[in-house]
Amino acid sequence: MEREAFLDRVRHGVRAAHLPPVSDVLAELPQAQETDLVRLFRDRAQMVNTVVHGPMPRHSVPRSVVGIATGHDVETFATWEDLPAPGVAAALSTEGYERVIEDAGGADEFRRTPYSRVDFGVTGALAGLAESGSFVLDHHNGRSRLLSVLPLIHVALVRVETIFRSIAQWAHERPDTVSGTANLVVVTGPSRTGDIEQNLNLGVHGPKHVHVVLIK
């Protein structure tokens, strides 16, 4: 078929298209059964190989993060600038771990280079999703997406008041969350890769170890 004839058919089809009625779409989510969202989040996260710590007060978070680093072969670390608990970077530095800081003024290829040698990435989280044991990350200046992708160990700090039952409930109750962010990422456990023989490997295309520290 000639190109113009094909495009004419597409244009005609678009103009003549009839959208089905949507009056039967629910205006709100059905009422969910009452449940302990923190317990549900912990149980589901552990099912996907995420290690959950806490809940704990904010002042205990730096000590907990240092304990996680001690349990792994860590030399370097990097963190988001605005973590939900203060003192994490200082505590790691005090223990002798080298902090890697992004060169925000360089070209993209040079901004990424320092993070390529980070062993241990610490981020906050926008929300926790209890039904799947997932957490949501948003990214902008000071919140590099690379810290949840490149390091072997990823630690996410999640406030318990931001745990929702599902991604649908979170989107329904916080519709303005997506504004002002470059992208949203939902993380469910460590990176998983399966081969043709159905052998599961962790950490091939992302972090091998994922920890969540719950903050109350």
N, C-alpha and C. Protein backbone atom coordinates (compact mmCIF):
# COMPACT_ATOMS: atom_id res chain seq x y z
N MET A 1 0.85 -1.19 0.00
CA MET A 1 0.00 0.00 0.00
C MET A 1 0.89 1.25 0.00
N GLU A 2 0.49 2.23 -0.82
CA GLU A 2 1.24 3.47 -0.87
C GLU A 2 1.18 4.18 0.49
N ARG A 3 2.25 4.90 0.78
CA ARG A 3 2.37 5.55 2.09
C ARG A 3 1.21 6.51 2.35
N GLU A 4 0.89 7.38 1.37
CA GLU A 4 -0.16 8.37 1.57
C GLU A 4 -1.53 7.72 1.75
N ALA A 5 -1.77 6.64 0.97
CA ALA A 5 -3.05 5.94 1.12
C ALA A 5 -3.17 5.33 2.51
N PHE A 6 -2.07 4.78 2.99
CA PHE A 6 -2.07 4.19 4.33
C PHE A 6 -2.35 5.26 5.39
N LEU A 7 -1.67 6.41 5.27
CA LEU A 7 -1.87 7.47 6.25
C LEU A 7 -3.28 8.03 6.19
N ASP A 8 -3.86 8.10 4.99
CA ASP A 8 -5.24 8.57 4.87
C ASP A 8 -6.20 7.65 5.61
N ARG A 9 -5.97 6.35 5.51
CA ARG A 9 -6.83 5.40 6.21
C ARG A 9 -6.69 5.56 7.72
N VAL A 10 -5.48 5.81 8.17
CA VAL A 10 -5.27 6.02 9.61
C VAL A 10 -5.99 7.27 10.08
N ARG A 11 -5.85 8.36 9.32
CA ARG A 11 -6.51 9.62 9.70
C ARG A 11 -8.02 9.46 9.73
N HIS A 12 -8.56 8.78 8.74
CA HIS A 12 -10.01 8.56 8.69
C HIS A 12 -10.45 7.70 9.87
N GLY A 13 -9.67 6.68 10.17
CA GLY A 13 -10.03 5.81 11.29
C GLY A 13 -10.03 6.54 12.61
N VAL A 14 -9.08 7.44 12.80
CA VAL A 14 -9.01 8.21 14.05
C VAL A 14 -10.22 9.14 14.17
N ARG A 15 -10.57 9.81 13.06
CA ARG A 15 -11.70 10.74 13.10
C ARG A 15 -13.02 10.01 13.34
N ALA A 16 -13.14 8.82 12.80
CA ALA A 16 -14.40 8.09 12.90
C ALA A 16 -14.47 7.17 14.10
N ALA A 17 -13.42 7.15 14.90
CA ALA A 17 -13.38 6.22 16.03
C ALA A 17 -14.45 6.57 17.06
N HIS A 18 -15.02 5.54 17.65
CA HIS A 18 -16.05 5.72 18.68
C HIS A 18 -15.55 5.11 19.98
N LEU A 19 -15.44 5.94 21.02
CA LEU A 19 -14.97 5.44 22.30
C LEU A 19 -16.13 4.83 23.08
N PRO A 20 -15.92 3.71 23.71
CA PRO A 20 -16.98 3.08 24.50
C PRO A 20 -17.28 3.91 25.75
N PRO A 21 -18.48 3.81 26.29
CA PRO A 21 -18.81 4.55 27.52
C PRO A 21 -18.00 4.01 28.70
N VAL A 22 -17.73 4.89 29.65
CA VAL A 22 -16.93 4.50 30.82
C VAL A 22 -17.68 4.73 32.12
N SER A 23 -18.99 4.78 32.04
CA SER A 23 -19.78 5.09 33.24
C SER A 23 -19.69 4.00 34.29
N ASP A 24 -19.28 2.79 33.89
CA ASP A 24 -19.23 1.70 34.86
C ASP A 24 -17.89 1.62 35.59
N VAL A 25 -16.98 2.57 35.33
CA VAL A 25 -15.70 2.58 36.03
C VAL A 25 -15.91 3.12 37.44
N LEU A 26 -15.33 2.43 38.41
CA LEU A 26 -15.49 2.84 39.80
C LEU A 26 -14.85 4.21 40.03
N ALA A 27 -15.56 5.08 40.72
CA ALA A 27 -15.03 6.40 41.04
C ALA A 27 -14.06 6.36 42.20
N GLU A 28 -14.08 5.28 42.96
CA GLU A 28 -13.16 5.15 44.08
C GLU A 28 -12.82 3.68 44.27
N LEU A 29 -11.75 3.44 45.01
CA LEU A 29 -11.33 2.06 45.25
C LEU A 29 -12.29 1.37 46.20
N PRO A 30 -12.53 0.07 46.01
CA PRO A 30 -13.34 -0.66 46.98
C PRO A 30 -12.67 -0.67 48.35
N GLN A 31 -13.46 -0.70 49.39
CA GLN A 31 -12.93 -0.69 50.74
C GLN A 31 -12.10 -1.94 51.00
N ALA A 32 -10.85 -1.73 51.38
CA ALA A 32 -9.96 -2.87 51.65
C ALA A 32 -10.16 -3.35 53.07
N GLN A 33 -9.94 -4.63 53.27
CA GLN A 33 -10.04 -5.20 54.61
C GLN A 33 -8.93 -4.63 55.49
N GLU A 34 -9.28 -4.31 56.73
CA GLU A 34 -8.30 -3.77 57.67
C GLU A 34 -7.19 -4.79 57.89
N THR A 35 -5.95 -4.31 57.84
CA THR A 35 -4.81 -5.20 58.05
C THR A 35 -3.64 -4.39 58.56
N ASP A 36 -2.67 -5.06 59.14
CA ASP A 36 -1.45 -4.42 59.61
C ASP A 36 -0.53 -4.27 58.40
N LEU A 37 -0.46 -3.07 57.85
CA LEU A 37 0.30 -2.86 56.62
C LEU A 37 1.80 -3.06 56.83
N VAL A 38 2.30 -2.71 58.00
CA VAL A 38 3.73 -2.90 58.25
C VAL A 38 4.07 -4.39 58.27
N ARG A 39 3.24 -5.16 58.95
CA ARG A 39 3.47 -6.62 58.99
C ARG A 39 3.34 -7.22 57.59
N LEU A 40 2.31 -6.79 56.84
CA LEU A 40 2.13 -7.31 55.49
C LEU A 40 3.31 -6.94 54.61
N PHE A 41 3.78 -5.70 54.71
CA PHE A 41 4.94 -5.28 53.93
C PHE A 41 6.14 -6.14 54.26
N ARG A 42 6.40 -6.36 55.54
CA ARG A 42 7.55 -7.16 55.94
C ARG A 42 7.46 -8.58 55.39
N ASP A 43 6.29 -9.19 55.53
CA ASP A 43 6.12 -10.58 55.07
C ASP A 43 6.33 -10.69 53.56
N ARG A 44 5.72 -9.78 52.81
CA ARG A 44 5.82 -9.86 51.35
C ARG A 44 7.23 -9.49 50.88
N ALA A 45 7.87 -8.55 51.54
CA ALA A 45 9.23 -8.17 51.15
C ALA A 45 10.20 -9.33 51.37
N GLN A 46 10.04 -10.03 52.47
CA GLN A 46 10.92 -11.17 52.75
C GLN A 46 10.72 -12.28 51.73
N MET A 47 9.51 -12.40 51.18
CA MET A 47 9.24 -13.41 50.16
C MET A 47 10.01 -13.15 48.87
N VAL A 48 10.40 -11.89 48.63
CA VAL A 48 11.15 -11.56 47.41
C VAL A 48 12.61 -11.22 47.74
N ASN A 49 13.10 -11.79 48.85
CA ASN A 49 14.52 -11.69 49.22
C ASN A 49 14.97 -10.30 49.65
N THR A 50 14.04 -9.50 50.13
CA THR A 50 14.39 -8.22 50.73
C THR A 50 14.53 -8.41 52.23
N VAL A 51 15.60 -7.87 52.82
CA VAL A 51 15.81 -7.94 54.26
C VAL A 51 15.23 -6.68 54.89
N VAL A 52 14.32 -6.86 55.85
CA VAL A 52 13.63 -5.73 56.47
C VAL A 52 14.13 -5.53 57.90
N HIS A 53 14.44 -4.29 58.24
CA HIS A 53 14.91 -3.92 59.58
C HIS A 53 13.92 -2.93 60.19
N GLY A 54 13.65 -3.08 61.48
CA GLY A 54 12.76 -2.15 62.16
C GLY A 54 11.32 -2.65 62.17
N PRO A 55 10.39 -1.71 62.46
CA PRO A 55 10.52 -0.26 62.53
C PRO A 55 11.38 0.22 63.70
N MET A 56 12.00 1.37 63.50
CA MET A 56 12.88 1.96 64.50
C MET A 56 12.77 3.47 64.44
N PRO A 57 13.10 4.17 65.54
CA PRO A 57 13.09 5.63 65.50
C PRO A 57 14.20 6.18 64.62
N ARG A 58 14.05 7.41 64.20
CA ARG A 58 15.01 8.01 63.26
C ARG A 58 16.43 8.01 63.80
N HIS A 59 16.59 8.22 65.11
CA HIS A 59 17.95 8.32 65.64
C HIS A 59 18.68 6.98 65.62
N SER A 60 17.95 5.88 65.44
CA SER A 60 18.57 4.55 65.39
C SER A 60 18.97 4.14 63.98
N VAL A 61 18.52 4.90 62.99
CA VAL A 61 18.75 4.50 61.60
C VAL A 61 20.23 4.48 61.22
N PRO A 62 21.03 5.51 61.55
CA PRO A 62 22.45 5.45 61.17
C PRO A 62 23.16 4.21 61.69
N ARG A 63 22.90 3.84 62.94
CA ARG A 63 23.54 2.66 63.51
C ARG A 63 23.10 1.39 62.76
N SER A 64 21.82 1.34 62.39
CA SER A 64 21.32 0.18 61.65
C SER A 64 21.97 0.08 60.28
N VAL A 65 22.11 1.21 59.59
CA VAL A 65 22.72 1.20 58.25
C VAL A 65 24.18 0.79 58.34
N VAL A 66 24.89 1.27 59.35
CA VAL A 66 26.29 0.85 59.54
C VAL A 66 26.35 -0.65 59.78
N GLY A 67 25.41 -1.18 60.55
CA GLY A 67 25.37 -2.62 60.78
C GLY A 67 25.17 -3.41 59.50
N ILE A 68 24.33 -2.89 58.60
CA ILE A 68 24.12 -3.56 57.31
C ILE A 68 25.42 -3.56 56.50
N ALA A 69 26.09 -2.41 56.47
CA ALA A 69 27.35 -2.32 55.72
C ALA A 69 28.40 -3.26 56.29
N THR A 70 28.43 -3.40 57.61
CA THR A 70 29.40 -4.28 58.25
C THR A 70 29.19 -5.73 57.83
N GLY A 71 27.95 -6.09 57.53
CA GLY A 71 27.65 -7.46 57.14
C GLY A 71 27.98 -7.78 55.70
N HIS A 72 28.44 -6.81 54.95
CA HIS A 72 28.82 -7.01 53.56
C HIS A 72 30.25 -6.53 53.34
N ASP A 73 30.81 -6.88 52.21
CA ASP A 73 32.16 -6.45 51.86
C ASP A 73 32.08 -5.08 51.21
N VAL A 74 32.03 -4.04 52.03
CA VAL A 74 31.79 -2.68 51.55
C VAL A 74 33.04 -1.83 51.74
N GLU A 75 33.39 -1.08 50.71
CA GLU A 75 34.47 -0.09 50.82
C GLU A 75 33.97 1.32 50.53
N THR A 76 33.05 1.46 49.57
CA THR A 76 32.57 2.78 49.18
C THR A 76 31.05 2.85 49.30
N PHE A 77 30.54 4.06 49.49
CA PHE A 77 29.10 4.24 49.59
C PHE A 77 28.71 5.59 49.01
N ALA A 78 27.43 5.73 48.70
CA ALA A 78 26.86 7.00 48.26
C ALA A 78 25.43 7.05 48.75
N THR A 79 24.92 8.25 49.01
CA THR A 79 23.57 8.41 49.51
C THR A 79 22.85 9.54 48.78
N TRP A 80 21.52 9.49 48.84
CA TRP A 80 20.74 10.65 48.44
C TRP A 80 21.07 11.81 49.38
N GLU A 81 20.87 13.02 48.92
CA GLU A 81 21.16 14.19 49.75
C GLU A 81 20.11 14.39 50.84
N ASP A 82 18.87 13.99 50.59
CA ASP A 82 17.78 14.28 51.54
C ASP A 82 17.16 12.99 52.07
N LEU A 83 17.93 12.24 52.83
CA LEU A 83 17.41 11.02 53.43
C LEU A 83 16.41 11.35 54.54
N PRO A 84 15.44 10.46 54.80
CA PRO A 84 14.44 10.73 55.84
C PRO A 84 14.97 10.58 57.26
N ALA A 85 16.22 10.21 57.42
CA ALA A 85 16.84 10.14 58.75
C ALA A 85 18.22 10.78 58.64
N PRO A 86 18.57 11.70 59.53
CA PRO A 86 19.86 12.38 59.45
C PRO A 86 21.00 11.53 59.99
N GLY A 87 22.21 11.86 59.56
CA GLY A 87 23.40 11.26 60.14
C GLY A 87 23.88 9.97 59.52
N VAL A 88 23.23 9.49 58.47
CA VAL A 88 23.62 8.21 57.87
C VAL A 88 25.00 8.30 57.22
N ALA A 89 25.19 9.31 56.38
CA ALA A 89 26.48 9.45 55.68
C ALA A 89 27.61 9.67 56.68
N ALA A 90 27.36 10.49 57.70
CA ALA A 90 28.40 10.76 58.70
C ALA A 90 28.77 9.49 59.46
N ALA A 91 27.78 8.68 59.79
CA ALA A 91 28.05 7.44 60.52
C ALA A 91 28.88 6.47 59.68
N LEU A 92 28.56 6.36 58.40
CA LEU A 92 29.33 5.47 57.52
C LEU A 92 30.76 5.98 57.35
N SER A 93 30.91 7.29 57.19
CA SER A 93 32.26 7.86 57.05
C SER A 93 33.08 7.65 58.31
N THR A 94 32.45 7.78 59.47
CA THR A 94 33.14 7.58 60.74
C THR A 94 33.67 6.16 60.86
N GLU A 95 32.95 5.21 60.28
CA GLU A 95 33.37 3.81 60.34
C GLU A 95 34.44 3.49 59.30
N GLY A 96 34.85 4.48 58.51
CA GLY A 96 35.95 4.28 57.57
C GLY A 96 35.55 3.98 56.14
N TYR A 97 34.26 4.03 55.85
CA TYR A 97 33.81 3.81 54.47
C TYR A 97 33.99 5.09 53.66
N GLU A 98 34.42 4.94 52.42
CA GLU A 98 34.68 6.10 51.56
C GLU A 98 33.39 6.56 50.89
N ARG A 99 33.07 7.83 51.05
CA ARG A 99 31.87 8.37 50.41
C ARG A 99 32.19 8.84 49.00
N VAL A 100 31.36 8.44 48.05
CA VAL A 100 31.49 8.87 46.66
C VAL A 100 30.40 9.90 46.38
N ILE A 101 30.80 11.03 45.84
CA ILE A 101 29.86 12.12 45.57
C ILE A 101 29.82 12.38 44.08
N GLU A 102 28.62 12.53 43.54
CA GLU A 102 28.42 12.77 42.12
C GLU A 102 28.96 14.14 41.72
N ASP A 103 29.58 14.21 40.55
CA ASP A 103 30.01 15.48 39.98
C ASP A 103 28.85 16.10 39.23
N ALA A 104 28.07 16.92 39.92
CA ALA A 104 26.84 17.46 39.33
C ALA A 104 27.12 18.43 38.19
N GLY A 105 28.34 18.94 38.08
CA GLY A 105 28.62 19.92 37.04
C GLY A 105 29.18 19.32 35.77
N GLY A 106 29.46 18.02 35.76
CA GLY A 106 30.08 17.41 34.60
C GLY A 106 29.07 16.92 33.58
N ALA A 107 29.60 16.49 32.44
CA ALA A 107 28.74 15.88 31.42
C ALA A 107 28.23 14.55 31.94
N ASP A 108 27.17 14.02 31.30
CA ASP A 108 26.52 12.82 31.80
C ASP A 108 27.49 11.67 32.01
N GLU A 109 28.38 11.44 31.03
CA GLU A 109 29.28 10.30 31.15
C GLU A 109 30.21 10.44 32.35
N PHE A 110 30.59 11.68 32.71
CA PHE A 110 31.47 11.89 33.84
C PHE A 110 30.70 11.91 35.16
N ARG A 111 29.43 12.26 35.11
CA ARG A 111 28.61 12.22 36.31
C ARG A 111 28.37 10.77 36.72
N ARG A 112 28.27 9.89 35.76
CA ARG A 112 28.01 8.48 36.08
C ARG A 112 29.26 7.75 36.56
N THR A 113 30.43 8.18 36.11
CA THR A 113 31.65 7.44 36.39
C THR A 113 31.91 7.21 37.87
N PRO A 114 31.80 8.22 38.75
CA PRO A 114 32.08 7.96 40.17
C PRO A 114 31.19 6.87 40.77
N TYR A 115 29.92 6.85 40.39
CA TYR A 115 28.99 5.88 40.96
C TYR A 115 29.26 4.45 40.50
N SER A 116 30.04 4.28 39.45
CA SER A 116 30.31 2.94 38.95
C SER A 116 31.15 2.12 39.93
N ARG A 117 31.78 2.77 40.90
CA ARG A 117 32.58 2.04 41.86
C ARG A 117 31.96 2.03 43.26
N VAL A 118 30.69 2.38 43.36
CA VAL A 118 30.01 2.40 44.65
C VAL A 118 29.53 0.99 45.00
N ASP A 119 29.86 0.53 46.20
CA ASP A 119 29.42 -0.79 46.67
C ASP A 119 28.06 -0.73 47.34
N PHE A 120 27.75 0.41 47.96
CA PHE A 120 26.66 0.49 48.93
C PHE A 120 25.89 1.78 48.68
N GLY A 121 24.63 1.65 48.21
CA GLY A 121 23.81 2.82 47.92
C GLY A 121 22.69 2.96 48.93
N VAL A 122 22.50 4.16 49.46
CA VAL A 122 21.44 4.41 50.43
C VAL A 122 20.49 5.46 49.87
N THR A 123 19.21 5.13 49.80
CA THR A 123 18.20 6.04 49.28
C THR A 123 17.04 6.14 50.27
N GLY A 124 16.22 7.14 50.06
CA GLY A 124 14.93 7.17 50.73
C GLY A 124 13.93 6.39 49.89
N ALA A 125 12.66 6.62 50.13
CA ALA A 125 11.61 6.00 49.33
C ALA A 125 10.37 6.87 49.41
N LEU A 126 9.67 6.95 48.30
CA LEU A 126 8.45 7.75 48.24
C LEU A 126 7.30 7.05 48.94
N ALA A 127 7.26 5.72 48.82
CA ALA A 127 6.18 4.95 49.42
C ALA A 127 6.58 3.49 49.50
N GLY A 128 5.94 2.77 50.40
CA GLY A 128 6.04 1.32 50.45
C GLY A 128 4.73 0.71 50.00
N LEU A 129 4.78 -0.41 49.31
CA LEU A 129 3.58 -1.08 48.80
C LEU A 129 3.49 -2.44 49.47
N ALA A 130 2.55 -2.58 50.40
CA ALA A 130 2.53 -3.74 51.28
C ALA A 130 2.22 -5.04 50.55
N GLU A 131 1.29 -5.02 49.62
CA GLU A 131 0.87 -6.28 48.99
C GLU A 131 1.99 -6.97 48.24
N SER A 132 2.93 -6.21 47.71
CA SER A 132 4.02 -6.81 46.94
C SER A 132 5.37 -6.69 47.62
N GLY A 133 5.42 -6.03 48.79
CA GLY A 133 6.71 -5.83 49.45
C GLY A 133 7.63 -4.92 48.66
N SER A 134 7.07 -4.01 47.90
CA SER A 134 7.84 -3.11 47.03
C SER A 134 7.99 -1.74 47.68
N PHE A 135 8.87 -0.93 47.10
CA PHE A 135 8.93 0.48 47.48
C PHE A 135 9.13 1.31 46.22
N VAL A 136 8.70 2.55 46.29
CA VAL A 136 8.69 3.45 45.14
C VAL A 136 9.77 4.51 45.32
N LEU A 137 10.55 4.73 44.27
CA LEU A 137 11.59 5.75 44.28
C LEU A 137 11.25 6.84 43.28
N ASP A 138 11.48 8.09 43.65
CA ASP A 138 11.39 9.19 42.69
C ASP A 138 12.77 9.82 42.57
N HIS A 139 13.04 10.45 41.45
CA HIS A 139 14.39 10.92 41.17
C HIS A 139 14.38 12.36 40.65
N HIS A 140 15.32 13.13 41.17
CA HIS A 140 15.58 14.48 40.70
C HIS A 140 16.95 14.87 41.25
N ASN A 141 17.32 16.14 41.18
CA ASN A 141 18.63 16.56 41.67
C ASN A 141 18.81 16.15 43.13
N GLY A 142 19.92 15.49 43.41
CA GLY A 142 20.19 15.01 44.76
C GLY A 142 19.63 13.64 45.04
N ARG A 143 18.85 13.10 44.11
CA ARG A 143 18.29 11.75 44.26
C ARG A 143 18.58 10.96 42.99
N SER A 144 19.81 10.56 42.83
CA SER A 144 20.20 9.87 41.60
C SER A 144 19.57 8.48 41.53
N ARG A 145 19.05 8.15 40.35
CA ARG A 145 18.49 6.81 40.15
C ARG A 145 19.58 5.74 40.13
N LEU A 146 20.83 6.16 39.88
CA LEU A 146 21.93 5.20 39.79
C LEU A 146 22.20 4.50 41.12
N LEU A 147 21.85 5.13 42.23
CA LEU A 147 22.16 4.54 43.54
C LEU A 147 21.29 3.34 43.86
N SER A 148 20.22 3.14 43.12
CA SER A 148 19.40 1.95 43.30
C SER A 148 19.63 0.93 42.19
N VAL A 149 20.60 1.21 41.31
CA VAL A 149 20.85 0.33 40.16
C VAL A 149 22.27 -0.22 40.15
N LEU A 150 23.26 0.64 40.38
CA LEU A 150 24.66 0.23 40.21
C LEU A 150 25.26 -0.50 41.41
N PRO A 151 25.02 -0.08 42.66
CA PRO A 151 25.69 -0.75 43.78
C PRO A 151 25.22 -2.19 43.95
N LEU A 152 26.09 -3.01 44.52
CA LEU A 152 25.74 -4.39 44.83
C LEU A 152 24.71 -4.45 45.95
N ILE A 153 24.79 -3.50 46.87
CA ILE A 153 23.87 -3.46 48.01
C ILE A 153 23.08 -2.15 47.96
N HIS A 154 21.76 -2.26 48.03
CA HIS A 154 20.88 -1.09 48.05
C HIS A 154 20.10 -1.10 49.35
N VAL A 155 20.18 0.01 50.08
CA VAL A 155 19.43 0.18 51.32
C VAL A 155 18.42 1.30 51.12
N ALA A 156 17.15 1.01 51.34
CA ALA A 156 16.09 2.02 51.20
C ALA A 156 15.52 2.32 52.58
N LEU A 157 15.38 3.60 52.88
CA LEU A 157 14.80 4.04 54.15
C LEU A 157 13.34 4.39 53.89
N VAL A 158 12.43 3.66 54.53
CA VAL A 158 10.99 3.81 54.27
C VAL A 158 10.29 4.21 55.56
N ARG A 159 9.57 5.32 55.54
CA ARG A 159 8.78 5.74 56.70
C ARG A 159 7.48 4.94 56.74
N VAL A 160 7.12 4.43 57.91
CA VAL A 160 5.96 3.54 58.01
C VAL A 160 4.67 4.25 57.61
N GLU A 161 4.60 5.57 57.81
CA GLU A 161 3.37 6.28 57.45
C GLU A 161 3.20 6.41 55.94
N THR A 162 4.22 6.05 55.18
CA THR A 162 4.11 6.10 53.72
C THR A 162 3.86 4.72 53.12
N ILE A 163 3.54 3.73 53.95
CA ILE A 163 3.24 2.39 53.44
C ILE A 163 1.76 2.31 53.10
N PHE A 164 1.46 1.96 51.87
CA PHE A 164 0.09 1.79 51.39
C PHE A 164 -0.13 0.32 51.06
N ARG A 165 -1.39 -0.05 50.98
CA ARG A 165 -1.69 -1.45 50.70
C ARG A 165 -1.22 -1.86 49.31
N SER A 166 -1.44 -1.02 48.31
CA SER A 166 -1.12 -1.38 46.92
C SER A 166 -0.74 -0.13 46.15
N ILE A 167 -0.23 -0.34 44.95
CA ILE A 167 0.11 0.80 44.10
C ILE A 167 -1.16 1.55 43.68
N ALA A 168 -2.28 0.84 43.57
CA ALA A 168 -3.53 1.50 43.22
C ALA A 168 -3.99 2.42 44.34
N GLN A 169 -3.88 1.96 45.59
CA GLN A 169 -4.28 2.80 46.72
C GLN A 169 -3.36 4.02 46.83
N TRP A 170 -2.06 3.80 46.64
CA TRP A 170 -1.11 4.91 46.72
C TRP A 170 -1.41 5.96 45.65
N ALA A 171 -1.63 5.52 44.41
CA ALA A 171 -1.92 6.46 43.32
C ALA A 171 -3.24 7.18 43.55
N HIS A 172 -4.20 6.48 44.15
CA HIS A 172 -5.51 7.09 44.41
C HIS A 172 -5.42 8.15 45.51
N GLU A 173 -4.66 7.87 46.55
CA GLU A 173 -4.59 8.78 47.69
C GLU A 173 -3.54 9.88 47.52
N ARG A 174 -2.55 9.66 46.67
CA ARG A 174 -1.50 10.65 46.44
C ARG A 174 -1.36 10.95 44.95
N PRO A 175 -2.41 11.47 44.31
CA PRO A 175 -2.35 11.67 42.85
C PRO A 175 -1.34 12.72 42.42
N ASP A 176 -0.92 13.58 43.34
CA ASP A 176 0.02 14.64 42.97
C ASP A 176 1.47 14.21 43.12
N THR A 177 1.71 12.96 43.46
CA THR A 177 3.06 12.50 43.78
C THR A 177 3.99 12.56 42.58
N VAL A 178 3.47 12.35 41.39
CA VAL A 178 4.33 12.25 40.22
C VAL A 178 4.84 13.60 39.73
N SER A 179 4.28 14.68 40.22
CA SER A 179 4.71 16.00 39.74
C SER A 179 6.10 16.33 40.28
N GLY A 180 6.92 16.91 39.42
CA GLY A 180 8.24 17.36 39.84
C GLY A 180 9.29 16.28 39.91
N THR A 181 9.05 15.13 39.29
CA THR A 181 10.06 14.07 39.31
C THR A 181 10.37 13.61 37.90
N ALA A 182 11.62 13.19 37.68
CA ALA A 182 12.02 12.73 36.35
C ALA A 182 11.37 11.40 36.02
N ASN A 183 11.26 10.53 37.01
CA ASN A 183 10.61 9.24 36.78
C ASN A 183 10.31 8.59 38.12
N LEU A 184 9.50 7.55 38.08
CA LEU A 184 9.19 6.74 39.26
C LEU A 184 9.62 5.31 38.99
N VAL A 185 10.21 4.68 40.00
CA VAL A 185 10.66 3.30 39.88
C VAL A 185 10.08 2.50 41.04
N VAL A 186 9.49 1.36 40.75
CA VAL A 186 9.00 0.45 41.78
C VAL A 186 9.99 -0.70 41.91
N VAL A 187 10.56 -0.85 43.09
CA VAL A 187 11.57 -1.88 43.34
C VAL A 187 10.94 -3.00 44.15
N THR A 188 11.07 -4.23 43.65
CA THR A 188 10.56 -5.40 44.35
C THR A 188 11.68 -6.41 44.48
N GLY A 189 12.44 -6.30 45.55
CA GLY A 189 13.53 -7.23 45.81
C GLY A 189 14.75 -6.99 44.94
N PRO A 190 15.76 -7.85 45.09
CA PRO A 190 16.98 -7.74 44.29
C PRO A 190 16.72 -8.00 42.82
N SER A 191 17.69 -7.61 41.99
CA SER A 191 17.62 -7.90 40.55
C SER A 191 17.54 -9.41 40.34
N ARG A 192 16.62 -9.84 39.48
CA ARG A 192 16.42 -11.27 39.22
C ARG A 192 16.57 -11.55 37.73
N THR A 193 17.33 -12.56 37.41
CA THR A 193 17.53 -12.98 36.03
C THR A 193 17.42 -14.49 35.96
N GLY A 194 16.54 -14.99 35.07
CA GLY A 194 16.40 -16.42 34.89
C GLY A 194 16.90 -16.85 33.53
N ASP A 195 17.57 -17.99 33.46
CA ASP A 195 18.05 -18.48 32.18
C ASP A 195 17.07 -19.50 31.60
N ILE A 196 17.43 -20.06 30.46
CA ILE A 196 16.52 -20.98 29.76
C ILE A 196 16.25 -22.24 30.56
N GLU A 197 17.15 -22.57 31.49
CA GLU A 197 16.95 -23.74 32.35
C GLU A 197 16.21 -23.39 33.63
N GLN A 198 15.70 -22.16 33.70
CA GLN A 198 14.92 -21.67 34.83
C GLN A 198 15.73 -21.60 36.11
N ASN A 199 17.02 -21.34 35.97
CA ASN A 199 17.86 -21.09 37.13
C ASN A 199 17.82 -19.59 37.44
N LEU A 200 17.48 -19.25 38.67
CA LEU A 200 17.34 -17.86 39.06
C LEU A 200 18.65 -17.33 39.61
N ASN A 201 19.09 -16.18 39.08
CA ASN A 201 20.30 -15.53 39.56
C ASN A 201 19.96 -14.14 40.06
N LEU A 202 20.51 -13.79 41.21
CA LEU A 202 20.28 -12.47 41.79
C LEU A 202 21.48 -11.57 41.53
N GLY A 203 21.20 -10.31 41.24
CA GLY A 203 22.25 -9.32 41.14
C GLY A 203 22.97 -9.22 39.82
N VAL A 204 22.42 -9.78 38.76
CA VAL A 204 23.08 -9.72 37.46
C VAL A 204 22.90 -8.35 36.82
N HIS A 205 21.70 -7.81 36.89
CA HIS A 205 21.40 -6.53 36.24
C HIS A 205 21.02 -5.44 37.24
N GLY A 206 21.45 -5.58 38.46
CA GLY A 206 21.13 -4.61 39.49
C GLY A 206 21.62 -5.12 40.83
N PRO A 207 21.18 -4.51 41.93
CA PRO A 207 21.65 -4.92 43.25
C PRO A 207 21.36 -6.39 43.55
N LYS A 208 22.32 -7.03 44.20
CA LYS A 208 22.15 -8.41 44.62
C LYS A 208 21.52 -8.49 46.00
N HIS A 209 21.72 -7.45 46.80
CA HIS A 209 21.18 -7.42 48.16
C HIS A 209 20.36 -6.14 48.33
N VAL A 210 19.12 -6.30 48.76
CA VAL A 210 18.25 -5.15 49.02
C VAL A 210 17.80 -5.20 50.48
N HIS A 211 18.02 -4.10 51.18
CA HIS A 211 17.59 -3.96 52.57
C HIS A 211 16.62 -2.80 52.67
N VAL A 212 15.62 -2.94 53.52
CA VAL A 212 14.70 -1.85 53.82
C VAL A 212 14.77 -1.57 55.31
N VAL A 213 15.00 -0.32 55.66
CA VAL A 213 14.96 0.11 57.06
C VAL A 213 13.67 0.89 57.27
N LEU A 214 12.79 0.36 58.11
CA LEU A 214 11.51 1.01 58.38
C LEU A 214 11.69 2.02 59.51
N ILE A 215 11.19 3.23 59.29
CA ILE A 215 11.33 4.32 60.25
C ILE A 215 9.96 4.67 60.81
N LYS A 216 9.85 4.65 62.14
CA LYS A 216 8.57 5.00 62.76
C LYS A 216 8.59 6.41 63.34
